[in-house]
Every structure is written in C-alpha cells, then in structure tokens.
Amino acid sequence: MSEERQPLDPTRRLLRVFGVSVTNYEERTARLLERAADPSVTLEELADVVAQALQLTVDLDQRLRDITGHVLECQMDTLSRLQEIIARRRASGS
C-alpha cells in the first residue's frame, strides 16, 4: 500500500519553493561566473551573463519576499492574539 501524499501547508510549500530557488540560483550563477571568467568571452556575451544574473537575482528576491512576508504575518498573528488574550485577562481581572 502506498502512502497518500498530503497537500503541503503554506509554510512548507513556501519553504520548499524558496529552497529550490536558492539551489537553482547557486547552480546557475556558478555557471555564469565560470562563463564570465573565460578570457575568450566577448563584452556582448559578458553583458548577456550579467542580464541573466540580474534576472536570476530578481526571481530569487521575489521568493525571499514571499517567505519573509509569510514569517512576518505569522509573527504578527501570534503577537496580536497574545495581546487579545492579555487584554481579556486584564478586563476580567484574572
């Protein structure tokens, strides 16, 4: 019997996407750096390397914003709920 795959919760999904994005970024930029270091690469080819690195960085930054926003939302939710609990306890005198 095979195990049924459960859908990923939002945190795990975001972390998985972010992890894959970082790994892809590292692999692709390493290749771009190797290409850029080749003395036979023309300035036009070097400009293409830079453009690709810029796009990879933009994509990674978006994933970073996604995960950072999610973490900040979790923190805000926790702190807001704690404030509500404290306010209720103070109001009830307990």
Protein backbone atom coordinates (compact mmCIF):
# COMPACT_ATOMS: atom_id res chain seq x y z
CA MET A 1 0.00 0.00 0.00
CA SER A 2 1.40 3.38 -0.91
CA GLU A 3 1.19 6.37 1.35
CA GLU A 4 -1.15 9.10 0.25
CA ARG A 5 0.61 12.43 -0.18
CA GLN A 6 -0.85 15.18 1.95
CA PRO A 7 -1.07 18.65 0.47
CA LEU A 8 1.66 20.93 1.77
CA ASP A 9 0.68 23.59 4.24
CA PRO A 10 1.54 27.15 3.15
CA THR A 11 4.72 27.32 5.24
CA ARG A 12 6.16 24.08 3.92
CA ARG A 13 5.20 24.98 0.36
CA LEU A 14 6.88 28.40 0.60
CA LEU A 15 9.98 26.91 2.19
CA ARG A 16 10.22 24.22 -0.48
CA VAL A 17 9.87 26.79 -3.28
CA PHE A 18 12.42 29.05 -1.60
CA GLY A 19 14.89 26.20 -1.06
CA VAL A 20 14.66 25.11 -4.68
CA SER A 21 15.06 28.73 -5.80
CA VAL A 22 18.22 29.20 -3.73
CA THR A 23 19.72 25.95 -5.01
CA ASN A 24 18.91 26.87 -8.62
CA TYR A 25 20.37 30.33 -8.09
CA GLU A 26 23.62 28.91 -6.72
CA GLU A 27 23.97 26.41 -9.55
CA ARG A 28 23.11 28.81 -12.35
CA THR A 29 25.18 31.72 -11.07
CA ALA A 30 28.18 29.41 -10.60
CA ARG A 31 27.94 28.52 -14.30
CA LEU A 32 27.52 32.18 -15.22
CA LEU A 33 30.61 33.13 -13.20
CA GLU A 34 32.63 30.42 -14.92
CA ARG A 35 31.47 31.71 -18.28
CA ALA A 36 32.26 35.32 -17.35
CA ALA A 37 35.77 34.36 -16.23
CA ASP A 38 36.56 32.84 -19.63
CA PRO A 39 39.01 35.24 -21.32
CA SER A 40 37.52 34.45 -24.74
CA VAL A 41 34.08 35.80 -23.75
CA THR A 42 33.21 38.97 -25.63
CA LEU A 43 31.79 42.06 -23.96
CA GLU A 44 28.44 41.29 -25.59
CA GLU A 45 28.48 37.78 -24.11
CA LEU A 46 29.51 39.23 -20.75
CA ALA A 47 26.56 41.63 -20.90
CA ASP A 48 24.31 38.61 -21.51
CA VAL A 49 25.80 36.90 -18.44
CA VAL A 50 25.07 39.99 -16.36
CA ALA A 51 21.49 40.17 -17.69
CA GLN A 52 20.92 36.52 -16.78
CA ALA A 53 22.40 37.03 -13.31
CA LEU A 54 20.14 40.05 -12.80
CA GLN A 55 17.04 38.07 -13.77
CA LEU A 56 18.01 35.17 -11.50
CA THR A 57 18.52 37.64 -8.65
CA VAL A 58 15.14 39.30 -9.28
CA ASP A 59 13.45 35.88 -9.20
CA LEU A 60 15.24 34.85 -6.00
CA ASP A 61 14.41 38.17 -4.35
CA GLN A 62 10.72 37.58 -5.08
CA ARG A 63 10.86 34.19 -3.36
CA LEU A 64 12.68 35.80 -0.42
CA ARG A 65 9.97 38.47 -0.17
CA ASP A 66 7.32 35.74 -0.22
CA ILE A 67 8.87 33.80 2.65
CA THR A 68 9.74 36.94 4.64
CA GLY A 69 6.17 38.21 4.29
CA HIS A 70 4.82 34.87 5.46
CA VAL A 71 7.08 34.83 8.52
CA LEU A 72 6.12 38.41 9.40
CA GLU A 73 2.42 37.53 9.07
CA CYS A 74 2.90 34.56 11.42
CA GLN A 75 4.67 36.76 13.95
CA MET A 76 2.02 39.48 13.75
CA ASP A 77 -0.76 36.92 14.16
CA THR A 78 0.89 35.43 17.23
CA LEU A 79 1.56 38.80 18.85
CA SER A 80 -1.94 40.10 18.08
CA ARG A 81 -3.52 37.01 19.57
CA LEU A 82 -1.35 37.30 22.67
CA GLN A 83 -2.37 40.95 23.04
CA GLU A 84 -6.03 39.94 22.84
CA ILE A 85 -5.56 37.22 25.47
CA ILE A 86 -3.79 39.64 27.81
CA ALA A 87 -6.45 42.33 27.27
CA ARG A 88 -9.25 39.83 28.05
CA ARG A 89 -7.45 38.61 31.16
CA ARG A 90 -6.92 42.16 32.39
CA ALA A 91 -10.54 43.07 31.68
CA SER A 92 -11.80 40.05 33.60
CA GLY A 93 -9.42 40.72 36.49
CA SER A 94 -7.73 37.33 36.31
